[in-house]
Amino acid sequence: MSALFNFHSFLTVILLGICACTYFKMQFPAILDQKTGFRGFFWKAARIGERLSPWVAAGCFMMGVSIIFF
């Protein structure tokens, strides 16, 4: 089933995308300098990961627990 139709998979993809964008912005800041267009979406995801990092980390932890046990 596609991640678009399964809510659990959709949340996993979103959380992994936010974490990946934040990591790439920290390692290679020149890649995500553009704030508009297609790369602007990834810049916004990285900004969410930077500003809401405790909440994103808690979401990743809860998602990992739910994947392991459910």
C-alpha atoms as a PDB file:
ATOM      1  CA  MET A   1       0.000   0.000   0.000  1.00  0.00           C
ATOM      2  CA  SER A   2       1.234   3.489  -0.779  1.00  0.00           C
ATOM      3  CA  ALA A   3       2.337   5.845   1.986  1.00  0.00           C
ATOM      4  CA  LEU A   4      -0.296   8.310   0.809  1.00  0.00           C
ATOM      5  CA  PHE A   5      -3.148   5.983   1.702  1.00  0.00           C
ATOM      6  CA  ASN A   6      -1.779   4.576   4.943  1.00  0.00           C
ATOM      7  CA  PHE A   7      -1.712   7.257   7.674  1.00  0.00           C
ATOM      8  CA  HIS A   8       0.937   5.479   9.772  1.00  0.00           C
ATOM      9  CA  SER A   9       3.290   5.231   6.798  1.00  0.00           C
ATOM     10  CA  PHE A  10       2.575   8.832   5.846  1.00  0.00           C
ATOM     11  CA  LEU A  11       3.590  10.054   9.305  1.00  0.00           C
ATOM     12  CA  THR A  12       6.752   7.953   9.147  1.00  0.00           C
ATOM     13  CA  VAL A  13       7.713   9.454   5.797  1.00  0.00           C
ATOM     14  CA  ILE A  14       7.067  12.997   7.047  1.00  0.00           C
ATOM     15  CA  LEU A  15       9.139  12.494  10.204  1.00  0.00           C
ATOM     16  CA  LEU A  16      12.003  10.906   8.294  1.00  0.00           C
ATOM     17  CA  GLY A  17      11.881  13.739   5.751  1.00  0.00           C
ATOM     18  CA  ILE A  18      12.088  16.385   8.472  1.00  0.00           C
ATOM     19  CA  CYS A  19      14.967  14.600  10.176  1.00  0.00           C
ATOM     20  CA  ALA A  20      16.843  14.085   6.908  1.00  0.00           C
ATOM     21  CA  CYS A  21      16.425  17.713   5.815  1.00  0.00           C
ATOM     22  CA  THR A  22      17.614  18.966   9.194  1.00  0.00           C
ATOM     23  CA  TYR A  23      20.659  16.688   9.063  1.00  0.00           C
ATOM     24  CA  PHE A  24      21.584  17.778   5.538  1.00  0.00           C
ATOM     25  CA  LYS A  25      21.177  21.440   6.446  1.00  0.00           C
ATOM     26  CA  MET A  26      23.533  21.019   9.401  1.00  0.00           C
ATOM     27  CA  GLN A  27      26.132  19.107   7.364  1.00  0.00           C
ATOM     28  CA  PHE A  28      25.862  20.979   4.047  1.00  0.00           C
ATOM     29  CA  PRO A  29      24.260  24.401   4.645  1.00  0.00           C
ATOM     30  CA  ALA A  30      24.763  25.621   1.059  1.00  0.00           C
ATOM     31  CA  ILE A  31      22.422  22.937  -0.319  1.00  0.00           C
ATOM     32  CA  LEU A  32      19.322  24.344   1.405  1.00  0.00           C
ATOM     33  CA  ASP A  33      19.975  28.090   1.132  1.00  0.00           C
ATOM     34  CA  GLN A  34      17.205  28.692  -1.387  1.00  0.00           C
ATOM     35  CA  LYS A  35      13.929  29.489   0.389  1.00  0.00           C
ATOM     36  CA  THR A  36      11.616  29.366  -2.620  1.00  0.00           C
ATOM     37  CA  GLY A  37      10.751  26.811  -5.245  1.00  0.00           C
ATOM     38  CA  PHE A  38      11.260  23.079  -4.954  1.00  0.00           C
ATOM     39  CA  ARG A  39      14.244  23.351  -2.598  1.00  0.00           C
ATOM     40  CA  GLY A  40      12.223  25.740  -0.450  1.00  0.00           C
ATOM     41  CA  PHE A  41      10.054  22.830   0.667  1.00  0.00           C
ATOM     42  CA  PHE A  42      13.157  21.068   2.030  1.00  0.00           C
ATOM     43  CA  TRP A  43      14.364  24.314   3.638  1.00  0.00           C
ATOM     44  CA  LYS A  44      11.019  24.582   5.454  1.00  0.00           C
ATOM     45  CA  ALA A  45      11.247  20.978   6.621  1.00  0.00           C
ATOM     46  CA  ALA A  46      14.746  21.658   7.952  1.00  0.00           C
ATOM     47  CA  ARG A  47      13.472  24.766   9.748  1.00  0.00           C
ATOM     48  CA  ILE A  48      10.743  22.692  11.412  1.00  0.00           C
ATOM     49  CA  GLY A  49      13.375  20.200  12.525  1.00  0.00           C
ATOM     50  CA  GLU A  50      15.573  22.954  13.942  1.00  0.00           C
ATOM     51  CA  ARG A  51      12.905  24.836  15.846  1.00  0.00           C
ATOM     52  CA  LEU A  52      10.782  21.926  17.041  1.00  0.00           C
ATOM     53  CA  SER A  53      13.614  19.447  17.613  1.00  0.00           C
ATOM     54  CA  PRO A  54      12.387  18.137  21.006  1.00  0.00           C
ATOM     55  CA  TRP A  55       8.934  17.487  19.558  1.00  0.00           C
ATOM     56  CA  VAL A  56      10.321  15.934  16.381  1.00  0.00           C
ATOM     57  CA  ALA A  57      12.614  13.715  18.472  1.00  0.00           C
ATOM     58  CA  ALA A  58       9.676  12.633  20.637  1.00  0.00           C
ATOM     59  CA  GLY A  59       7.656  11.918  17.500  1.00  0.00           C
ATOM     60  CA  CYS A  60      10.480   9.820  16.047  1.00  0.00           C
ATOM     61  CA  PHE A  61      10.810   7.909  19.304  1.00  0.00           C
ATOM     62  CA  MET A  62       7.072   7.231  19.520  1.00  0.00           C
ATOM     63  CA  MET A  63       7.000   6.224  15.849  1.00  0.00           C
ATOM     64  CA  GLY A  64       9.884   3.821  16.402  1.00  0.00           C
ATOM     65  CA  VAL A  65       8.158   2.258  19.396  1.00  0.00           C
ATOM     66  CA  SER A  66       4.912   1.894  17.480  1.00  0.00           C
ATOM     67  CA  ILE A  67       6.704   0.271  14.529  1.00  0.00           C
ATOM     68  CA  ILE A  68       8.516  -2.207  16.786  1.00  0.00           C
ATOM     69  CA  PHE A  69       5.578  -3.204  18.976  1.00  0.00           C
ATOM     70  CA  PHE A  70       2.495  -2.727  16.766  1.00  0.00           C
END
